[in-house]
């Protein structure tokens, strides 16, 4: 069974996710918004349930995400359906160019901000050469995807039925989950729950970790 995971918004909690992924040999894709980052300093993004969510600086992205796949989440995370087509195209292409310059590799993965899209957005995403666009919807069968630009995942990582969904995904051969690392805040119990998920997957001889882009290649 192929297993993929991705994480949104380029925040400091990604460091703990990466630490645990390295511990268990897991792969992960991180969907970044470089336009929301200060050039050289880490800064406060927002407060989530009393927890201060802080962002990386642009200057450290390549070092921070070394060894992991990164993908396009637009420059500044607008709702794609609430801006003009020209603005959406600029958000996508500026982000792609920034990431490709920073990481010196092709960046064709994408995650829809807020999971929002419409036909006009899909047409622009196609024009921009994106290989897939992850939504916030769930499906029992990730592949084959009729439209890779609306690629649905198996579940959110904090779905209470995570284990059952993982087992059911064996039928289709793909299990794909996603989330925001800040949702674990600084709560040891939440990180321990995520670690248990990785440990269970690591113990499964049928699991093959892949990057999200590998699902559509």
Protein backbone atom coordinates (compact mmCIF):
# COMPACT_ATOMS: atom_id res chain seq x y z
CA UNK A 1 0.00 0.00 0.00
CA UNK A 2 1.35 3.40 -0.99
CA UNK A 3 1.17 6.00 1.81
CA UNK A 4 1.54 9.78 1.39
CA UNK A 5 1.05 12.73 3.71
CA UNK A 6 1.18 16.51 3.39
CA UNK A 7 1.17 19.50 5.70
CA UNK A 8 0.08 23.07 4.99
CA UNK A 9 1.20 26.64 5.72
CA UNK A 10 4.99 26.60 6.44
CA UNK A 11 4.93 26.94 10.23
CA UNK A 12 7.47 26.11 12.94
CA UNK A 13 5.57 23.06 14.14
CA UNK A 14 6.62 21.42 10.88
CA UNK A 15 10.00 20.89 12.56
CA UNK A 16 8.51 18.36 14.98
CA UNK A 17 6.64 16.62 12.16
CA UNK A 18 9.89 16.30 10.21
CA UNK A 19 11.72 15.01 13.28
CA UNK A 20 9.15 12.25 13.71
CA UNK A 21 9.11 11.47 10.00
CA UNK A 22 12.87 10.99 10.02
CA UNK A 23 12.59 8.75 13.07
CA UNK A 24 10.13 6.42 11.32
CA UNK A 25 11.39 6.69 7.76
CA UNK A 26 8.27 8.50 6.58
CA UNK A 27 8.07 10.86 3.64
CA UNK A 28 6.04 14.08 3.66
CA UNK A 29 5.20 17.02 1.42
CA UNK A 30 4.98 20.51 2.87
CA UNK A 31 2.76 23.07 1.15
CA UNK A 32 4.33 26.51 1.50
CA UNK A 33 3.16 30.15 1.36
CA UNK A 34 6.43 32.08 0.94
CA UNK A 35 4.69 35.44 0.51
CA UNK A 36 3.51 35.32 4.10
CA UNK A 37 7.04 34.89 5.44
CA UNK A 38 9.44 37.61 6.48
CA UNK A 39 12.61 37.56 4.43
CA UNK A 40 15.04 36.92 7.31
CA UNK A 41 13.09 36.65 10.58
CA UNK A 42 10.61 34.23 12.04
CA UNK A 43 7.37 35.92 12.97
CA UNK A 44 3.99 35.34 14.55
CA UNK A 45 1.37 34.24 12.06
CA UNK A 46 -1.77 33.97 14.16
CA UNK A 47 -3.11 32.46 17.39
CA UNK A 48 -4.82 29.06 17.23
CA UNK A 49 -6.76 28.04 20.34
CA UNK A 50 -4.42 30.13 22.46
CA UNK A 51 -1.29 28.75 20.76
CA UNK A 52 0.96 31.21 18.93
CA UNK A 53 1.55 29.90 15.41
CA UNK A 54 4.88 31.13 14.13
CA UNK A 55 6.24 31.07 10.60
CA UNK A 56 9.70 30.39 9.23
CA UNK A 57 11.68 33.05 7.40
CA UNK A 58 12.10 32.84 3.64
CA UNK A 59 15.86 32.66 4.05
CA UNK A 60 15.80 29.38 5.97
CA UNK A 61 13.28 27.40 3.92
CA UNK A 62 15.79 25.37 1.91
CA UNK A 63 17.69 24.30 5.03
CA UNK A 64 14.57 23.62 7.09
CA UNK A 65 12.88 21.39 4.51
CA UNK A 66 16.04 19.60 3.37
CA UNK A 67 15.21 16.01 2.48
CA UNK A 68 11.46 16.61 2.09
CA UNK A 69 9.22 17.48 -0.81
CA UNK A 70 7.68 20.94 -0.94
CA UNK A 71 4.67 22.12 -2.92
CA UNK A 72 2.82 25.26 -3.95
CA UNK A 73 0.10 26.62 -1.63
CA UNK A 74 0.03 30.07 -3.34
CA UNK A 75 2.11 33.01 -2.18
CA UNK A 76 -0.30 34.43 0.41
CA UNK A 77 -3.09 31.84 0.88
CA UNK A 78 -6.10 33.71 -0.55
CA UNK A 79 -9.37 31.94 -1.29
CA UNK A 80 -8.92 31.22 -5.02
CA UNK A 81 -12.63 31.74 -5.68
CA UNK A 82 -12.66 35.22 -4.13
CA UNK A 83 -9.92 36.88 -6.15
CA UNK A 84 -9.70 37.67 -9.86
CA UNK A 85 -8.36 35.07 -12.30
CA UNK A 86 -5.32 37.29 -12.88
CA UNK A 87 -4.64 37.48 -9.14
CA UNK A 88 -4.96 33.72 -8.75
CA UNK A 89 -2.62 33.08 -11.67
CA UNK A 90 -0.08 35.46 -10.14
CA UNK A 91 -0.38 33.79 -6.72
CA UNK A 92 0.31 30.37 -8.26
CA UNK A 93 3.10 31.35 -10.61
CA UNK A 94 4.91 33.64 -8.17
CA UNK A 95 4.88 30.83 -5.61
CA UNK A 96 6.08 28.28 -8.13
CA UNK A 97 8.91 30.52 -9.32
CA UNK A 98 9.94 31.36 -5.75
CA UNK A 99 10.08 27.72 -4.69
CA UNK A 100 11.84 26.56 -7.83
CA UNK A 101 14.47 29.27 -7.42
CA UNK A 102 14.92 28.45 -3.74
CA UNK A 103 14.98 24.64 -3.99
CA UNK A 104 16.46 24.38 -7.50
CA UNK A 105 13.99 21.78 -8.67
CA UNK A 106 10.67 21.62 -10.46
CA UNK A 107 7.66 22.30 -8.20
CA UNK A 108 4.39 21.09 -9.72
CA UNK A 109 2.48 20.00 -6.61
CA UNK A 110 -0.29 22.19 -5.25
CA UNK A 111 -2.77 22.38 -2.36
CA UNK A 112 -5.88 24.54 -2.71
CA UNK A 113 -6.07 27.22 0.01
CA UNK A 114 -9.21 26.54 2.06
CA UNK A 115 -9.86 23.66 -0.33
CA UNK A 116 -11.63 26.20 -2.55
CA UNK A 117 -11.75 26.11 -6.35
CA UNK A 118 -14.08 26.53 -9.32
CA UNK A 119 -13.92 25.84 -13.04
CA UNK A 120 -12.03 29.06 -13.75
CA UNK A 121 -9.45 28.22 -11.08
CA UNK A 122 -9.02 24.71 -12.48
CA UNK A 123 -8.38 26.12 -15.94
CA UNK A 124 -5.70 28.45 -14.58
CA UNK A 125 -4.11 25.67 -12.53
CA UNK A 126 -3.89 23.60 -15.70
CA UNK A 127 -2.35 26.51 -17.62
CA UNK A 128 0.22 26.95 -14.84
CA UNK A 129 1.44 23.38 -15.31
CA UNK A 130 0.38 22.03 -11.93
CA UNK A 131 0.39 18.24 -11.70
CA UNK A 132 -2.21 17.96 -8.95
CA UNK A 133 -4.25 20.09 -6.57
CA UNK A 134 -5.07 18.63 -3.18
CA UNK A 135 -8.53 19.48 -1.89
CA UNK A 136 -9.92 19.19 1.66
CA UNK A 137 -12.41 16.49 0.65
CA UNK A 138 -12.06 12.81 1.48
CA UNK A 139 -12.48 9.74 -0.67
CA UNK A 140 -12.37 5.98 -0.18
CA UNK A 141 -10.33 5.66 -3.38
CA UNK A 142 -7.59 8.24 -3.92
CA UNK A 143 -6.55 6.68 -7.22
CA UNK A 144 -7.37 6.64 -9.99
CA UNK A 145 -8.24 10.34 -9.82
CA UNK A 146 -10.50 11.46 -12.65
CA UNK A 147 -9.09 14.99 -12.24
CA UNK A 148 -5.66 15.20 -10.52
CA UNK A 149 -6.19 18.94 -10.01
CA UNK A 150 -8.95 18.01 -7.57
CA UNK A 151 -7.06 15.26 -5.77
CA UNK A 152 -8.93 14.16 -2.65
CA UNK A 153 -7.20 12.60 0.34
CA UNK A 154 -8.22 9.62 2.46
CA UNK A 155 -8.63 11.74 5.59
CA UNK A 156 -7.31 14.45 7.87
CA UNK A 157 -4.66 13.18 10.28
CA UNK A 158 -6.86 13.90 13.31
CA UNK A 159 -9.87 12.06 11.93
CA UNK A 160 -11.15 9.87 14.80
CA UNK A 161 -11.56 7.02 12.30
CA UNK A 162 -7.96 7.32 11.05
CA UNK A 163 -7.08 3.68 11.78
CA UNK A 164 -10.22 2.29 10.19
CA UNK A 165 -9.77 4.49 7.11
CA UNK A 166 -6.13 3.38 6.83
CA UNK A 167 -7.15 -0.27 6.85
CA UNK A 168 -9.94 0.27 4.36
CA UNK A 169 -7.47 2.01 2.03
CA UNK A 170 -5.68 -1.30 1.49
CA UNK A 171 -8.41 -2.22 -0.96
CA UNK A 172 -7.43 0.62 -3.29
CA UNK A 173 -3.71 0.47 -2.50
CA UNK A 174 -3.32 4.16 -1.53
CA UNK A 175 -3.65 5.90 1.83
CA UNK A 176 -3.17 9.69 1.78
CA UNK A 177 -3.63 11.96 4.80
CA UNK A 178 -3.01 15.64 5.44
CA UNK A 179 -3.15 18.32 8.11
CA UNK A 180 -1.64 21.39 9.70
CA UNK A 181 1.15 20.80 12.18
CA UNK A 182 -0.06 23.76 14.27
CA UNK A 183 -3.20 21.76 15.05
CA UNK A 184 -1.03 19.80 17.49
CA UNK A 185 -0.01 23.10 19.12
CA UNK A 186 2.53 22.29 21.84
CA UNK A 187 0.45 19.42 23.24
CA UNK A 188 2.59 16.31 23.91
CA UNK A 189 -0.48 14.08 23.76
CA UNK A 190 -1.35 15.24 20.24
CA UNK A 191 2.19 14.73 19.00
CA UNK A 192 2.24 11.32 20.69
CA UNK A 193 -0.94 10.39 18.83
CA UNK A 194 0.66 11.39 15.53
CA UNK A 195 3.80 9.46 16.42
CA UNK A 196 1.69 6.36 17.06
CA UNK A 197 0.26 6.71 13.57
CA UNK A 198 3.75 6.81 12.08
CA UNK A 199 4.93 3.92 14.24
CA UNK A 200 2.01 1.76 13.14
CA UNK A 201 2.74 2.52 9.50
CA UNK A 202 6.45 1.84 10.01
CA UNK A 203 5.67 -1.61 11.42
CA UNK A 204 3.53 -2.54 8.40
CA UNK A 205 5.59 -4.47 5.80
CA UNK A 206 3.05 -3.59 3.09
CA UNK A 207 3.54 0.16 3.46
CA UNK A 208 5.55 2.05 0.85
CA UNK A 209 5.99 5.75 1.62
CA UNK A 210 5.77 8.02 -1.42
CA UNK A 211 5.63 11.76 -2.03
CA UNK A 212 2.26 13.14 -3.10
CA UNK A 213 3.63 13.99 -6.54
CA UNK A 214 4.43 10.30 -7.02
CA UNK A 215 0.71 9.49 -6.86
CA UNK A 216 0.04 11.31 -10.12
CA UNK A 217 3.26 10.67 -12.04
